[in-house]
Amino acid sequence: MRVGRESSVLGFKIHHKKLRTLDSKVRKFKHGLKRITRRCPGISIGSRIIRLKQYAQGWMGHYGCGLKYDDAIALDGWIRRRLRMCYWKQWRRPRRRIRALTNLGVNKRDAIRLGLSRKSYWRPSPSIFSSPVNFFIFTSFYGYIV
């Protein structure tokens, strides 16, 4: 077996004397998360979060030691954005979106602006819950990556 500058074993690569997770494993993890958080309704948000938590904890248990901190924070933000997209899809109608946003603490003007937006589900997801800090406390999703 020839050993080059980078070697890979069991989903990890050794790069400059440090253990790193392969990019293909991170892409496969994101694909699995997309399967859990896909837009078509069929399971409740609560059971979706439980499945997401189990999947993320299992993956982090194996590959987490090779993940850089900045990449882990970016991955956590991406998971949160996927969950916001699921909520936005679940609320569907503008009236329901406005009511749900005001219940979460967004002021009325911003809730109306976001609720009446014609954008799809993924595009407005970064700005949907930018105001209330307590959204993920409200939904009992504290972050399972970081």
Protein backbone atom coordinates (compact mmCIF):
# COMPACT_ATOMS: atom_id res chain seq x y z
CA MET A 1 0.00 0.00 0.00
CA ARG A 2 1.37 3.35 -1.03
CA VAL A 3 0.84 6.17 1.37
CA GLY A 4 0.70 9.63 -0.15
CA ARG A 5 0.29 12.99 1.45
CA GLU A 6 -3.34 12.28 2.25
CA SER A 7 -4.69 8.90 3.25
CA SER A 8 -8.28 7.99 3.99
CA VAL A 9 -9.53 5.35 6.41
CA LEU A 10 -13.16 4.73 7.48
CA GLY A 11 -14.42 8.11 6.31
CA PHE A 12 -11.50 10.12 7.64
CA LYS A 13 -8.46 11.59 5.99
CA ILE A 14 -5.17 12.40 7.63
CA HIS A 15 -4.14 15.83 6.50
CA HIS A 16 -1.07 17.56 7.95
CA LYS A 17 -1.07 15.20 10.96
CA LYS A 18 -4.71 15.99 11.71
CA LEU A 19 -7.78 13.83 11.38
CA ARG A 20 -10.44 15.30 9.09
CA THR A 21 -13.81 14.03 7.89
CA LEU A 22 -14.04 13.32 4.17
CA ASP A 23 -16.09 15.80 2.16
CA SER A 24 -18.05 12.93 0.65
CA LYS A 25 -19.21 11.88 4.13
CA VAL A 26 -20.41 15.41 4.89
CA ARG A 27 -22.30 15.49 1.57
CA LYS A 28 -23.86 12.11 2.37
CA PHE A 29 -24.87 13.43 5.82
CA LYS A 30 -26.54 16.46 4.25
CA HIS A 31 -28.36 14.20 1.81
CA GLY A 32 -29.67 12.13 4.73
CA LEU A 33 -30.82 15.30 6.46
CA LYS A 34 -32.62 16.37 3.30
CA ARG A 35 -34.48 13.05 3.30
CA ILE A 36 -35.63 13.65 6.89
CA THR A 37 -36.57 17.31 6.36
CA ARG A 38 -38.06 17.11 2.90
CA ARG A 39 -40.99 19.36 2.17
CA CYS A 40 -43.74 16.84 1.56
CA PRO A 41 -45.78 16.46 4.73
CA GLY A 42 -46.23 13.04 6.18
CA ILE A 43 -44.85 13.25 9.66
CA SER A 44 -45.25 15.87 12.34
CA ILE A 45 -42.52 18.39 13.11
CA GLY A 46 -41.98 16.82 16.54
CA SER A 47 -41.28 13.36 15.18
CA ARG A 48 -39.17 14.88 12.41
CA ILE A 49 -37.03 16.64 15.02
CA ILE A 50 -36.64 13.38 16.97
CA ARG A 51 -35.49 11.54 13.83
CA LEU A 52 -33.18 14.41 12.98
CA LYS A 53 -31.70 14.38 16.47
CA GLN A 54 -31.01 10.63 16.33
CA TYR A 55 -29.44 10.88 12.89
CA ALA A 56 -27.27 13.89 13.77
CA GLN A 57 -26.10 12.43 17.09
CA GLY A 58 -25.16 9.14 15.45
CA TRP A 59 -23.23 10.86 12.69
CA MET A 60 -21.48 13.22 15.10
CA GLY A 61 -20.59 10.28 17.33
CA HIS A 62 -18.63 8.73 14.49
CA TYR A 63 -17.43 11.62 12.33
CA GLY A 64 -17.57 14.51 14.77
CA CYS A 65 -13.96 14.24 15.90
CA GLY A 66 -12.74 15.00 12.38
CA LEU A 67 -15.03 17.96 11.76
CA LYS A 68 -13.58 21.46 12.04
CA TYR A 69 -15.39 23.80 14.41
CA ASP A 70 -16.25 26.32 11.67
CA ASP A 71 -17.68 23.54 9.52
CA ALA A 72 -19.73 22.27 12.47
CA ILE A 73 -21.21 25.73 13.05
CA ALA A 74 -22.04 26.08 9.35
CA LEU A 75 -23.67 22.64 9.36
CA ASP A 76 -25.69 23.51 12.45
CA GLY A 77 -26.92 26.70 10.79
CA TRP A 78 -27.87 24.74 7.69
CA ILE A 79 -29.90 22.26 9.78
CA ARG A 80 -31.70 25.12 11.51
CA ARG A 81 -32.51 26.68 8.15
CA ARG A 82 -33.95 23.35 6.95
CA LEU A 83 -36.20 23.21 10.03
CA ARG A 84 -37.36 26.79 9.46
CA MET A 85 -38.21 25.79 5.91
CA CYS A 86 -40.30 22.88 7.24
CA TYR A 87 -42.22 25.21 9.55
CA TRP A 88 -42.76 27.71 6.74
CA LYS A 89 -44.11 24.93 4.52
CA GLN A 90 -46.36 23.66 7.31
CA TRP A 91 -47.95 27.07 7.92
CA ARG A 92 -48.83 27.45 4.19
CA ARG A 93 -51.29 30.36 4.14
CA PRO A 94 -50.22 33.99 4.70
CA ARG A 95 -52.73 34.51 7.51
CA ARG A 96 -51.39 31.49 9.42
CA ARG A 97 -47.79 32.58 8.83
CA ILE A 98 -48.48 36.07 10.16
CA ARG A 99 -50.26 34.70 13.23
CA ALA A 100 -47.49 32.19 13.97
CA LEU A 101 -44.75 34.80 13.58
CA THR A 102 -46.48 37.26 15.91
CA ASN A 103 -46.93 34.47 18.47
CA LEU A 104 -43.17 33.88 18.28
CA GLY A 105 -42.42 37.52 19.05
CA VAL A 106 -41.89 39.13 15.65
CA ASN A 107 -43.40 42.61 15.48
CA LYS A 108 -46.56 42.94 13.42
CA ARG A 109 -45.02 44.89 10.54
CA ASP A 110 -42.22 42.38 9.93
CA ALA A 111 -44.63 39.47 10.31
CA ILE A 112 -46.90 40.92 7.63
CA ARG A 113 -43.94 41.62 5.34
CA LEU A 114 -42.67 38.05 5.69
CA GLY A 115 -46.09 36.40 5.68
CA LEU A 116 -47.16 38.04 2.44
CA SER A 117 -43.89 37.22 0.68
CA ARG A 118 -44.28 35.30 -2.57
CA LYS A 119 -40.94 33.58 -2.25
CA SER A 120 -40.81 29.81 -1.98
CA TYR A 121 -39.87 27.93 1.18
CA TRP A 122 -36.07 27.89 1.06
CA ARG A 123 -35.42 31.50 0.04
CA PRO A 124 -37.02 33.34 2.99
CA SER A 125 -35.89 30.79 5.59
CA PRO A 126 -32.84 32.79 6.81
CA SER A 127 -34.97 35.85 7.54
CA ILE A 128 -38.12 34.18 8.82
CA PHE A 129 -37.06 33.95 12.43
CA SER A 130 -34.25 36.49 12.54
CA SER A 131 -36.00 38.55 15.20
CA PRO A 132 -37.03 36.05 17.87
CA VAL A 133 -34.09 34.45 19.59
CA ASN A 134 -36.39 32.05 21.38
CA PHE A 135 -37.62 30.21 18.28
CA PHE A 136 -35.48 27.14 18.76
CA ILE A 137 -36.15 27.20 22.50
CA PHE A 138 -39.86 27.33 21.63
CA THR A 139 -39.52 24.36 19.28
CA SER A 140 -37.20 22.43 21.67
CA PHE A 141 -34.43 22.23 19.07
CA TYR A 142 -31.29 23.55 20.71
CA GLY A 143 -28.75 22.40 18.13
CA TYR A 144 -27.30 18.95 17.90
CA ILE A 145 -24.13 19.65 16.00
CA VAL A 146 -22.52 22.33 18.17
